[in-house]
Amino acid sequence: MIKSMIALLFFLGYATATAQHHNNTAHQATQAAPYSGEEQRSIKALSDEMIDGYRMGRGMGLAKAAELNHYPGPMHILQLKEKLRLSPEQIAILEKTFDQMHSETVPLGNSLIEQEQMLDSVFRIVKADSINVHQFTARIGELQGKIRFAHLNAHIVARKILTAEQIALYDKERGYVSDRATMQKKKGRK
């Protein structure tokens, strides 16, 4: 009986050590090649989702500074228009704001994709140098800034037409009201 227990404990210890070694080896392989598979991308620096997002003028998290600080985005506000009880005037302004942002960001996004393609190309054909890479990255940075500004600015405009109650309800509907904020409000009422 004791020999069986010792054998079982030895086996369990060996199995655990083997599993840990396998997990560590797999983790190290992932760390050693974190971009594995991305070499197949058409543009190495952009995923298909990013390319699609730029082409479609999507936010892709570019306006989080606004969104998570009580500056709602026009598209999401319009999605919640019934719950927020938007007036027809508010809806019209939000639609115009969204359309303007979208008409700005789509061409900028297409230009950014084009610049990323050209940057990728100079590396692919082994013609990258400090001068052309600096030029491409400066253009890409400028385009990224313009795209992000357009999204953030749409949030600024949208906030101006909402009431404080609509903003609070929006935050609640989007899940931005934390338990801590709720607790602080309750403490303040006592």
N, C-alpha and C. Protein backbone atom coordinates (compact mmCIF):
# COMPACT_ATOMS: atom_id res chain seq x y z
N MET A 1 0.82 -1.19 0.00
CA MET A 1 0.00 0.00 0.00
C MET A 1 0.87 1.26 0.00
N ILE A 2 1.85 1.31 0.89
CA ILE A 2 2.74 2.48 0.97
C ILE A 2 3.52 2.62 -0.33
N LYS A 3 3.99 1.48 -0.88
CA LYS A 3 4.73 1.53 -2.14
C LYS A 3 3.83 2.05 -3.26
N SER A 4 2.56 1.66 -3.27
CA SER A 4 1.63 2.14 -4.28
C SER A 4 1.41 3.63 -4.16
N MET A 5 1.30 4.13 -2.92
CA MET A 5 1.11 5.57 -2.68
C MET A 5 2.34 6.34 -3.14
N ILE A 6 3.51 5.82 -2.84
CA ILE A 6 4.76 6.49 -3.24
C ILE A 6 4.85 6.52 -4.77
N ALA A 7 4.52 5.40 -5.39
CA ALA A 7 4.55 5.34 -6.85
C ALA A 7 3.56 6.32 -7.46
N LEU A 8 2.36 6.40 -6.87
CA LEU A 8 1.36 7.33 -7.37
C LEU A 8 1.82 8.78 -7.21
N LEU A 9 2.36 9.12 -6.05
CA LEU A 9 2.87 10.48 -5.83
C LEU A 9 4.01 10.80 -6.79
N PHE A 10 4.90 9.83 -7.01
CA PHE A 10 6.00 10.04 -7.94
C PHE A 10 5.45 10.31 -9.35
N PHE A 11 4.47 9.48 -9.77
CA PHE A 11 3.87 9.64 -11.09
C PHE A 11 3.20 11.00 -11.23
N LEU A 12 2.43 11.41 -10.21
CA LEU A 12 1.74 12.71 -10.25
C LEU A 12 2.75 13.86 -10.31
N GLY A 13 3.81 13.75 -9.55
CA GLY A 13 4.85 14.78 -9.57
C GLY A 13 5.52 14.86 -10.93
N TYR A 14 5.81 13.70 -11.51
CA TYR A 14 6.43 13.67 -12.83
C TYR A 14 5.49 14.25 -13.88
N ALA A 15 4.21 13.89 -13.83
CA ALA A 15 3.23 14.39 -14.79
C ALA A 15 3.08 15.91 -14.67
N THR A 16 3.06 16.41 -13.44
CA THR A 16 2.95 17.85 -13.22
C THR A 16 4.17 18.57 -13.76
N ALA A 17 5.35 18.05 -13.48
CA ALA A 17 6.58 18.68 -13.96
C ALA A 17 6.64 18.67 -15.48
N THR A 18 6.22 17.58 -16.10
CA THR A 18 6.21 17.48 -17.56
C THR A 18 5.24 18.50 -18.17
N ALA A 19 4.07 18.62 -17.57
CA ALA A 19 3.08 19.57 -18.06
C ALA A 19 3.59 21.00 -17.92
N GLN A 20 4.22 21.30 -16.79
CA GLN A 20 4.76 22.65 -16.59
C GLN A 20 5.86 22.95 -17.60
N HIS A 21 6.72 21.95 -17.85
CA HIS A 21 7.79 22.14 -18.82
C HIS A 21 7.21 22.40 -20.22
N HIS A 22 6.16 21.64 -20.58
CA HIS A 22 5.51 21.82 -21.88
C HIS A 22 4.89 23.22 -21.98
N ASN A 23 4.22 23.66 -20.93
CA ASN A 23 3.62 25.01 -20.92
C ASN A 23 4.68 26.09 -21.02
N ASN A 24 5.78 25.93 -20.28
CA ASN A 24 6.86 26.92 -20.32
C ASN A 24 7.50 26.96 -21.70
N THR A 25 7.69 25.80 -22.32
CA THR A 25 8.28 25.75 -23.66
C THR A 25 7.36 26.43 -24.68
N ALA A 26 6.07 26.15 -24.59
CA ALA A 26 5.11 26.78 -25.50
C ALA A 26 5.08 28.29 -25.30
N HIS A 27 5.11 28.73 -24.04
CA HIS A 27 5.10 30.16 -23.74
C HIS A 27 6.38 30.83 -24.28
N GLN A 28 7.52 30.17 -24.09
CA GLN A 28 8.78 30.73 -24.59
C GLN A 28 8.77 30.82 -26.11
N ALA A 29 8.20 29.82 -26.78
CA ALA A 29 8.12 29.86 -28.25
C ALA A 29 7.26 31.01 -28.70
N THR A 30 6.16 31.26 -27.99
CA THR A 30 5.29 32.38 -28.32
C THR A 30 6.02 33.70 -28.12
N GLN A 31 6.77 33.79 -27.01
CA GLN A 31 7.52 35.03 -26.76
C GLN A 31 8.64 35.22 -27.76
N ALA A 32 9.27 34.14 -28.19
CA ALA A 32 10.37 34.25 -29.14
C ALA A 32 9.88 34.66 -30.52
N ALA A 33 8.63 34.34 -30.85
CA ALA A 33 8.09 34.65 -32.18
C ALA A 33 6.69 35.25 -32.05
N PRO A 34 6.59 36.43 -31.41
CA PRO A 34 5.25 36.99 -31.19
C PRO A 34 4.53 37.41 -32.47
N TYR A 35 5.26 37.56 -33.57
CA TYR A 35 4.65 37.99 -34.82
C TYR A 35 4.45 36.83 -35.78
N SER A 36 4.67 35.62 -35.31
CA SER A 36 4.54 34.45 -36.16
C SER A 36 3.17 34.43 -36.83
N GLY A 37 3.16 34.26 -38.13
CA GLY A 37 1.93 34.26 -38.90
C GLY A 37 1.64 35.61 -39.54
N GLU A 38 2.14 36.68 -38.91
CA GLU A 38 1.88 38.02 -39.45
C GLU A 38 2.70 38.31 -40.70
N GLU A 39 3.71 37.50 -40.96
CA GLU A 39 4.51 37.70 -42.17
C GLU A 39 3.68 37.44 -43.43
N GLN A 40 2.52 36.82 -43.26
CA GLN A 40 1.63 36.55 -44.39
C GLN A 40 0.71 37.73 -44.71
N ARG A 41 0.69 38.73 -43.83
CA ARG A 41 -0.20 39.88 -44.06
C ARG A 41 0.18 40.62 -45.34
N SER A 42 -0.82 41.21 -45.98
CA SER A 42 -0.53 42.02 -47.18
C SER A 42 0.25 43.28 -46.80
N ILE A 43 -0.09 43.86 -45.65
CA ILE A 43 0.66 44.99 -45.09
C ILE A 43 1.07 44.54 -43.69
N LYS A 44 2.33 44.37 -43.48
CA LYS A 44 2.80 43.73 -42.24
C LYS A 44 2.35 44.46 -40.97
N ALA A 45 2.28 45.78 -40.99
CA ALA A 45 1.96 46.54 -39.78
C ALA A 45 0.47 46.62 -39.50
N LEU A 46 -0.38 46.20 -40.45
CA LEU A 46 -1.83 46.33 -40.28
C LEU A 46 -2.52 44.98 -40.43
N SER A 47 -3.36 44.64 -39.46
CA SER A 47 -4.18 43.44 -39.57
C SER A 47 -5.30 43.70 -40.57
N ASP A 48 -5.95 42.64 -41.01
CA ASP A 48 -7.09 42.79 -41.92
C ASP A 48 -8.18 43.62 -41.27
N GLU A 49 -8.37 43.45 -39.94
CA GLU A 49 -9.39 44.22 -39.22
C GLU A 49 -9.05 45.71 -39.20
N MET A 50 -7.76 46.02 -39.05
CA MET A 50 -7.35 47.42 -39.06
C MET A 50 -7.54 48.03 -40.45
N ILE A 51 -7.17 47.30 -41.47
CA ILE A 51 -7.35 47.79 -42.84
C ILE A 51 -8.82 48.06 -43.10
N ASP A 52 -9.66 47.11 -42.74
CA ASP A 52 -11.10 47.27 -42.91
C ASP A 52 -11.61 48.47 -42.10
N GLY A 53 -11.12 48.61 -40.87
CA GLY A 53 -11.53 49.72 -40.02
C GLY A 53 -11.17 51.08 -40.61
N TYR A 54 -9.96 51.20 -41.13
CA TYR A 54 -9.55 52.46 -41.77
C TYR A 54 -10.38 52.72 -43.02
N ARG A 55 -10.61 51.68 -43.81
CA ARG A 55 -11.39 51.86 -45.05
C ARG A 55 -12.83 52.27 -44.76
N MET A 56 -13.38 51.79 -43.66
CA MET A 56 -14.78 52.05 -43.32
C MET A 56 -14.95 53.26 -42.39
N GLY A 57 -13.84 53.88 -41.97
CA GLY A 57 -13.93 55.04 -41.09
C GLY A 57 -14.34 54.70 -39.66
N ARG A 58 -14.07 53.49 -39.24
CA ARG A 58 -14.44 53.05 -37.88
C ARG A 58 -13.52 53.67 -36.84
N GLY A 59 -14.03 53.74 -35.63
CA GLY A 59 -13.28 54.35 -34.53
C GLY A 59 -12.12 53.53 -34.03
N MET A 60 -12.25 52.24 -33.97
CA MET A 60 -11.18 51.32 -33.56
C MET A 60 -10.53 51.71 -32.23
N GLY A 61 -11.29 52.31 -31.34
CA GLY A 61 -10.74 52.70 -30.04
C GLY A 61 -9.96 54.01 -30.06
N LEU A 62 -9.95 54.71 -31.18
CA LEU A 62 -9.17 55.94 -31.29
C LEU A 62 -9.73 57.07 -30.42
N ALA A 63 -11.00 56.97 -30.04
CA ALA A 63 -11.62 58.04 -29.25
C ALA A 63 -11.87 57.62 -27.80
N LYS A 64 -11.12 56.64 -27.31
CA LYS A 64 -11.32 56.19 -25.92
C LYS A 64 -11.13 57.31 -24.91
N ALA A 65 -10.21 58.22 -25.18
CA ALA A 65 -10.00 59.34 -24.25
C ALA A 65 -11.28 60.12 -24.06
N ALA A 66 -12.06 60.26 -25.11
CA ALA A 66 -13.35 60.95 -25.03
C ALA A 66 -14.42 60.01 -24.47
N GLU A 67 -14.58 58.88 -25.10
CA GLU A 67 -15.65 57.94 -24.77
C GLU A 67 -15.66 57.56 -23.29
N LEU A 68 -14.50 57.32 -22.73
CA LEU A 68 -14.42 56.86 -21.34
C LEU A 68 -14.34 58.01 -20.33
N ASN A 69 -14.46 59.23 -20.83
CA ASN A 69 -14.48 60.41 -19.96
C ASN A 69 -15.75 61.24 -20.20
N HIS A 70 -16.84 60.54 -20.49
CA HIS A 70 -18.17 61.15 -20.58
C HIS A 70 -18.37 62.06 -21.80
N TYR A 71 -17.70 61.72 -22.89
CA TYR A 71 -17.91 62.39 -24.18
C TYR A 71 -18.39 61.31 -25.15
N PRO A 72 -19.68 61.05 -25.18
CA PRO A 72 -20.21 59.97 -26.01
C PRO A 72 -19.98 60.19 -27.50
N GLY A 73 -19.90 59.08 -28.22
CA GLY A 73 -19.73 59.14 -29.66
C GLY A 73 -21.06 59.17 -30.39
N PRO A 74 -21.12 59.89 -31.50
CA PRO A 74 -22.40 60.05 -32.20
C PRO A 74 -23.02 58.73 -32.67
N MET A 75 -22.22 57.81 -33.17
CA MET A 75 -22.79 56.56 -33.66
C MET A 75 -23.45 55.78 -32.52
N HIS A 76 -22.76 55.68 -31.40
CA HIS A 76 -23.31 54.93 -30.27
C HIS A 76 -24.51 55.65 -29.64
N ILE A 77 -24.50 56.97 -29.66
CA ILE A 77 -25.65 57.72 -29.16
C ILE A 77 -26.86 57.41 -30.04
N LEU A 78 -26.66 57.44 -31.35
CA LEU A 78 -27.76 57.15 -32.27
C LEU A 78 -28.28 55.72 -32.10
N GLN A 79 -27.41 54.80 -31.77
CA GLN A 79 -27.84 53.43 -31.50
C GLN A 79 -28.74 53.35 -30.27
N LEU A 80 -28.56 54.30 -29.35
CA LEU A 80 -29.34 54.32 -28.11
C LEU A 80 -30.39 55.43 -28.11
N LYS A 81 -30.75 55.94 -29.28
CA LYS A 81 -31.61 57.13 -29.35
C LYS A 81 -32.94 56.98 -28.62
N GLU A 82 -33.56 55.81 -28.66
CA GLU A 82 -34.84 55.64 -27.95
C GLU A 82 -34.63 55.69 -26.44
N LYS A 83 -33.62 54.96 -25.97
CA LYS A 83 -33.36 54.93 -24.52
C LYS A 83 -32.95 56.30 -24.00
N LEU A 84 -32.23 57.05 -24.82
CA LEU A 84 -31.78 58.39 -24.40
C LEU A 84 -32.84 59.46 -24.64
N ARG A 85 -33.92 59.07 -25.31
CA ARG A 85 -35.02 59.99 -25.65
C ARG A 85 -34.51 61.24 -26.36
N LEU A 86 -33.79 60.98 -27.45
CA LEU A 86 -33.25 62.09 -28.23
C LEU A 86 -34.37 62.81 -28.96
N SER A 87 -34.22 64.11 -29.06
CA SER A 87 -35.17 64.91 -29.82
C SER A 87 -34.83 64.78 -31.31
N PRO A 88 -35.78 65.11 -32.19
CA PRO A 88 -35.48 65.08 -33.63
C PRO A 88 -34.31 66.00 -33.98
N GLU A 89 -34.19 67.13 -33.28
CA GLU A 89 -33.08 68.05 -33.55
C GLU A 89 -31.74 67.42 -33.16
N GLN A 90 -31.72 66.76 -32.01
CA GLN A 90 -30.50 66.10 -31.59
C GLN A 90 -30.11 65.00 -32.59
N ILE A 91 -31.09 64.25 -33.03
CA ILE A 91 -30.81 63.17 -33.99
C ILE A 91 -30.23 63.75 -35.27
N ALA A 92 -30.80 64.83 -35.76
CA ALA A 92 -30.31 65.45 -37.00
C ALA A 92 -28.87 65.93 -36.85
N ILE A 93 -28.56 66.57 -35.72
CA ILE A 93 -27.19 67.06 -35.49
C ILE A 93 -26.22 65.89 -35.37
N LEU A 94 -26.62 64.85 -34.66
CA LEU A 94 -25.75 63.67 -34.49
C LEU A 94 -25.51 62.97 -35.82
N GLU A 95 -26.53 62.85 -36.63
CA GLU A 95 -26.36 62.23 -37.95
C GLU A 95 -25.41 63.04 -38.81
N LYS A 96 -25.56 64.36 -38.78
CA LYS A 96 -24.67 65.24 -39.55
C LYS A 96 -23.23 65.13 -39.02
N THR A 97 -23.09 65.11 -37.70
CA THR A 97 -21.76 64.99 -37.09
C THR A 97 -21.10 63.68 -37.48
N PHE A 98 -21.86 62.60 -37.41
CA PHE A 98 -21.31 61.30 -37.80
C PHE A 98 -20.93 61.29 -39.27
N ASP A 99 -21.81 61.78 -40.12
CA ASP A 99 -21.53 61.80 -41.56
C ASP A 99 -20.29 62.62 -41.88
N GLN A 100 -20.13 63.76 -41.21
CA GLN A 100 -18.96 64.60 -41.44
C GLN A 100 -17.69 63.87 -41.01
N MET A 101 -17.73 63.26 -39.82
CA MET A 101 -16.56 62.52 -39.33
C MET A 101 -16.24 61.38 -40.30
N HIS A 102 -17.25 60.67 -40.74
CA HIS A 102 -17.06 59.54 -41.64
C HIS A 102 -16.48 60.01 -42.98
N SER A 103 -16.99 61.10 -43.51
CA SER A 103 -16.48 61.60 -44.80
C SER A 103 -15.04 62.10 -44.69
N GLU A 104 -14.62 62.50 -43.49
CA GLU A 104 -13.22 62.90 -43.29
C GLU A 104 -12.31 61.69 -43.12
N THR A 105 -12.76 60.71 -42.33
CA THR A 105 -11.87 59.62 -41.95
C THR A 105 -11.67 58.57 -43.03
N VAL A 106 -12.65 58.35 -43.89
CA VAL A 106 -12.49 57.32 -44.93
C VAL A 106 -11.34 57.67 -45.88
N PRO A 107 -11.30 58.86 -46.47
CA PRO A 107 -10.17 59.16 -47.36
C PRO A 107 -8.83 59.19 -46.61
N LEU A 108 -8.85 59.68 -45.37
CA LEU A 108 -7.61 59.67 -44.58
C LEU A 108 -7.16 58.24 -44.32
N GLY A 109 -8.10 57.38 -44.00
CA GLY A 109 -7.77 55.97 -43.76
C GLY A 109 -7.21 55.30 -44.99
N ASN A 110 -7.80 55.60 -46.14
CA ASN A 110 -7.28 55.03 -47.39
C ASN A 110 -5.87 55.54 -47.68
N SER A 111 -5.61 56.80 -47.39
CA SER A 111 -4.26 57.35 -47.57
C SER A 111 -3.27 56.68 -46.61
N LEU A 112 -3.72 56.45 -45.38
CA LEU A 112 -2.85 55.80 -44.40
C LEU A 112 -2.50 54.38 -44.87
N ILE A 113 -3.48 53.66 -45.37
CA ILE A 113 -3.23 52.30 -45.88
C ILE A 113 -2.23 52.35 -47.03
N GLU A 114 -2.39 53.32 -47.91
CA GLU A 114 -1.46 53.47 -49.04
C GLU A 114 -0.04 53.74 -48.56
N GLN A 115 0.10 54.62 -47.56
CA GLN A 115 1.43 54.92 -47.02
C GLN A 115 2.04 53.69 -46.34
N GLU A 116 1.22 52.94 -45.63
CA GLU A 116 1.71 51.71 -44.99
C GLU A 116 2.14 50.69 -46.04
N GLN A 117 1.41 50.62 -47.15
CA GLN A 117 1.80 49.72 -48.24
C GLN A 117 3.15 50.11 -48.81
N MET A 118 3.36 51.42 -49.00
CA MET A 118 4.62 51.89 -49.56
C MET A 118 5.77 51.67 -48.57
N LEU A 119 5.51 51.89 -47.29
CA LEU A 119 6.54 51.64 -46.27
C LEU A 119 6.90 50.15 -46.27
N ASP A 120 5.88 49.31 -46.28
CA ASP A 120 6.10 47.87 -46.32
C ASP A 120 6.92 47.49 -47.56
N SER A 121 6.61 48.12 -48.67
CA SER A 121 7.27 47.82 -49.93
C SER A 121 8.76 48.15 -49.90
N VAL A 122 9.14 49.29 -49.33
CA VAL A 122 10.57 49.63 -49.33
C VAL A 122 11.38 48.65 -48.49
N PHE A 123 10.73 48.09 -47.46
CA PHE A 123 11.43 47.06 -46.69
C PHE A 123 11.45 45.73 -47.46
N ARG A 124 10.34 45.39 -48.10
CA ARG A 124 10.24 44.13 -48.83
C ARG A 124 11.27 44.06 -49.96
N ILE A 125 11.46 45.17 -50.69
CA ILE A 125 12.40 45.16 -51.81
C ILE A 125 13.81 45.59 -51.39
N VAL A 126 14.02 45.68 -50.09
CA VAL A 126 15.31 46.00 -49.49
C VAL A 126 15.82 47.36 -49.98
N LYS A 127 14.96 48.35 -49.97
CA LYS A 127 15.32 49.71 -50.36
C LYS A 127 15.07 50.70 -49.22
N ALA A 128 14.85 50.20 -48.02
CA ALA A 128 14.59 51.08 -46.88
C ALA A 128 15.88 51.77 -46.46
N ASP A 129 15.75 53.08 -46.23
CA ASP A 129 16.86 53.84 -45.66
C ASP A 129 16.26 54.86 -44.69
N SER A 130 17.09 55.53 -43.97
CA SER A 130 16.62 56.46 -42.95
C SER A 130 15.76 57.58 -43.53
N ILE A 131 16.09 58.02 -44.73
CA ILE A 131 15.35 59.14 -45.33
C ILE A 131 13.95 58.72 -45.74
N ASN A 132 13.81 57.65 -46.54
CA ASN A 132 12.47 57.29 -46.99
C ASN A 132 11.61 56.75 -45.85
N VAL A 133 12.20 56.05 -44.91
CA VAL A 133 11.42 55.56 -43.78
C VAL A 133 10.94 56.73 -42.92
N HIS A 134 11.79 57.72 -42.74
CA HIS A 134 11.37 58.91 -41.98
C HIS A 134 10.20 59.60 -42.68
N GLN A 135 10.28 59.73 -43.99
CA GLN A 135 9.19 60.37 -44.75
C GLN A 135 7.88 59.60 -44.62
N PHE A 136 7.95 58.29 -44.78
CA PHE A 136 6.72 57.49 -44.67
C PHE A 136 6.13 57.54 -43.27
N THR A 137 6.98 57.39 -42.27
CA THR A 137 6.46 57.38 -40.89
C THR A 137 5.91 58.75 -40.49
N ALA A 138 6.51 59.82 -41.00
CA ALA A 138 5.98 61.16 -40.71
C ALA A 138 4.59 61.32 -41.34
N ARG A 139 4.43 60.87 -42.58
CA ARG A 139 3.12 60.95 -43.23
C ARG A 139 2.09 60.08 -42.52
N ILE A 140 2.49 58.87 -42.15
CA ILE A 140 1.59 57.96 -41.44
C ILE A 140 1.18 58.56 -40.09
N GLY A 141 2.14 59.12 -39.38
CA GLY A 141 1.84 59.76 -38.10
C GLY A 141 0.87 60.93 -38.25
N GLU A 142 1.08 61.72 -39.28
CA GLU A 142 0.18 62.85 -39.53
C GLU A 142 -1.24 62.36 -39.85
N LEU A 143 -1.34 61.34 -40.67
CA LEU A 143 -2.65 60.78 -41.02
C LEU A 143 -3.33 60.17 -39.80
N GLN A 144 -2.57 59.45 -38.98
CA GLN A 144 -3.13 58.88 -37.75
C GLN A 144 -3.67 59.99 -36.85
N GLY A 145 -2.92 61.08 -36.75
CA GLY A 145 -3.36 62.21 -35.92
C GLY A 145 -4.64 62.83 -36.45
N LYS A 146 -4.73 63.00 -37.75
CA LYS A 146 -5.94 63.58 -38.35
C LYS A 146 -7.15 62.67 -38.16
N ILE A 147 -6.95 61.37 -38.34
CA ILE A 147 -8.05 60.42 -38.16
C ILE A 147 -8.51 60.44 -36.70
N ARG A 148 -7.56 60.39 -35.80
CA ARG A 148 -7.93 60.38 -34.37
C ARG A 148 -8.62 61.68 -33.99
N PHE A 149 -8.13 62.80 -34.47
CA PHE A 149 -8.78 64.09 -34.18
C PHE A 149 -10.21 64.09 -34.67
N ALA A 150 -10.44 63.61 -35.88
CA ALA A 150 -11.80 63.60 -36.43
C ALA A 150 -12.75 62.80 -35.53
N HIS A 151 -12.29 61.67 -35.04
CA HIS A 151 -13.12 60.86 -34.15
C HIS A 151 -13.34 61.56 -32.80
N LEU A 152 -12.28 62.09 -32.23
CA LEU A 152 -12.39 62.78 -30.94
C LEU A 152 -13.27 64.03 -31.06
N ASN A 153 -13.11 64.76 -32.14
CA ASN A 153 -13.90 65.97 -32.34
C ASN A 153 -15.39 65.66 -32.46
N ALA A 154 -15.71 64.53 -33.10
CA ALA A 154 -17.12 64.13 -33.20
C ALA A 154 -17.70 63.89 -31.80
N HIS A 155 -16.91 63.38 -30.90
CA HIS A 155 -17.35 63.18 -29.51
C HIS A 155 -17.56 64.52 -28.81
N ILE A 156 -16.69 65.47 -29.09
CA ILE A 156 -16.82 66.81 -28.49
C ILE A 156 -18.13 67.45 -28.94
N VAL A 157 -18.38 67.41 -30.23
CA VAL A 157 -19.62 67.99 -30.78
C VAL A 157 -20.84 67.28 -30.20
N ALA A 158 -20.78 65.96 -30.14
CA ALA A 158 -21.92 65.18 -29.64
C ALA A 158 -22.25 65.52 -28.18
N ARG A 159 -21.23 65.68 -27.37
CA ARG A 159 -21.47 65.98 -25.95
C ARG A 159 -22.21 67.30 -25.78
N LYS A 160 -21.90 68.27 -26.63
CA LYS A 160 -22.50 69.60 -26.51
C LYS A 160 -24.00 69.60 -26.72
N ILE A 161 -24.53 68.62 -27.41
CA ILE A 161 -25.97 68.64 -27.69
C ILE A 161 -26.77 67.74 -26.74
N LEU A 162 -26.07 67.03 -25.85
CA LEU A 162 -26.76 66.16 -24.92
C LEU A 162 -26.94 66.85 -23.57
N THR A 163 -27.96 66.43 -22.85
CA THR A 163 -28.14 66.92 -21.48
C THR A 163 -27.26 66.08 -20.55
N ALA A 164 -27.03 66.56 -19.35
CA ALA A 164 -26.25 65.81 -18.37
C ALA A 164 -26.93 64.47 -18.08
N GLU A 165 -28.24 64.46 -18.05
CA GLU A 165 -28.98 63.21 -17.80
C GLU A 165 -28.77 62.21 -18.93
N GLN A 166 -28.77 62.70 -20.16
CA GLN A 166 -28.55 61.81 -21.30
C GLN A 166 -27.14 61.23 -21.27
N ILE A 167 -26.17 62.04 -20.91
CA ILE A 167 -24.79 61.56 -20.82
C ILE A 167 -24.68 60.50 -19.73
N ALA A 168 -25.29 60.74 -18.57
CA ALA A 168 -25.25 59.77 -17.48
C ALA A 168 -25.92 58.46 -17.89
N LEU A 169 -27.05 58.55 -18.58
CA LEU A 169 -27.75 57.36 -19.04
C LEU A 169 -26.93 56.63 -20.10
N TYR A 170 -26.32 57.37 -20.99
CA TYR A 170 -25.44 56.79 -22.01
C TYR A 170 -24.33 55.99 -21.33
N ASP A 171 -23.64 56.61 -20.37
CA ASP A 171 -22.56 55.93 -19.65
C ASP A 171 -23.06 54.65 -18.99
N LYS A 172 -24.24 54.72 -18.42
CA LYS A 172 -24.82 53.54 -17.76
C LYS A 172 -25.11 52.45 -18.80
N GLU A 173 -25.75 52.83 -19.90
CA GLU A 173 -26.09 51.87 -20.95
C GLU A 173 -24.85 51.22 -21.56
N ARG A 174 -23.78 51.96 -21.65
CA ARG A 174 -22.53 51.45 -22.24
C ARG A 174 -21.68 50.69 -21.21
N GLY A 175 -22.12 50.70 -19.94
CA GLY A 175 -21.40 49.96 -18.91
C GLY A 175 -20.21 50.68 -18.32
N TYR A 176 -20.22 52.02 -18.39
CA TYR A 176 -19.09 52.79 -17.90
C TYR A 176 -19.24 53.23 -16.45
N VAL A 177 -20.33 52.91 -15.82
CA VAL A 177 -20.54 53.31 -14.43
C VAL A 177 -20.01 52.19 -13.56
N SER A 178 -18.93 52.48 -12.86
CA SER A 178 -18.33 51.45 -12.01
C SER A 178 -19.04 51.37 -10.67
N ASP A 179 -18.84 50.26 -9.99
CA ASP A 179 -19.42 50.09 -8.66
C ASP A 179 -18.88 51.15 -7.70
N ARG A 180 -17.61 51.52 -7.87
CA ARG A 180 -17.01 52.53 -6.99
C ARG A 180 -17.70 53.88 -7.18
N ALA A 181 -17.98 54.25 -8.43
CA ALA A 181 -18.66 55.52 -8.69
C ALA A 181 -20.06 55.48 -8.09
N THR A 182 -20.73 54.35 -8.21
CA THR A 182 -22.07 54.21 -7.64
C THR A 182 -22.00 54.33 -6.12
N MET A 183 -21.00 53.70 -5.51
CA MET A 183 -20.83 53.77 -4.05
C MET A 183 -20.57 55.20 -3.61
N GLN A 184 -19.74 55.94 -4.35
CA GLN A 184 -19.42 57.32 -3.99
C GLN A 184 -20.66 58.20 -4.08
N LYS A 185 -21.50 57.97 -5.10
CA LYS A 185 -22.73 58.75 -5.22
C LYS A 185 -23.66 58.45 -4.06
N LYS A 186 -23.75 57.20 -3.65
CA LYS A 186 -24.61 56.83 -2.53
C LYS A 186 -24.09 57.45 -1.24
N LYS A 187 -22.79 57.48 -1.04
CA LYS A 187 -22.21 58.08 0.17
C LYS A 187 -22.50 59.57 0.22
N GLY A 188 -22.45 60.22 -0.95
CA GLY A 188 -22.71 61.65 -1.03
C GLY A 188 -24.15 62.02 -0.71
N ARG A 189 -25.07 61.10 -0.90
CA ARG A 189 -26.49 61.37 -0.63
C ARG A 189 -26.84 61.24 0.83
N LYS A 190 -26.06 60.52 1.60
CA LYS A 190 -26.38 60.28 3.01
C LYS A 190 -26.22 61.52 3.86
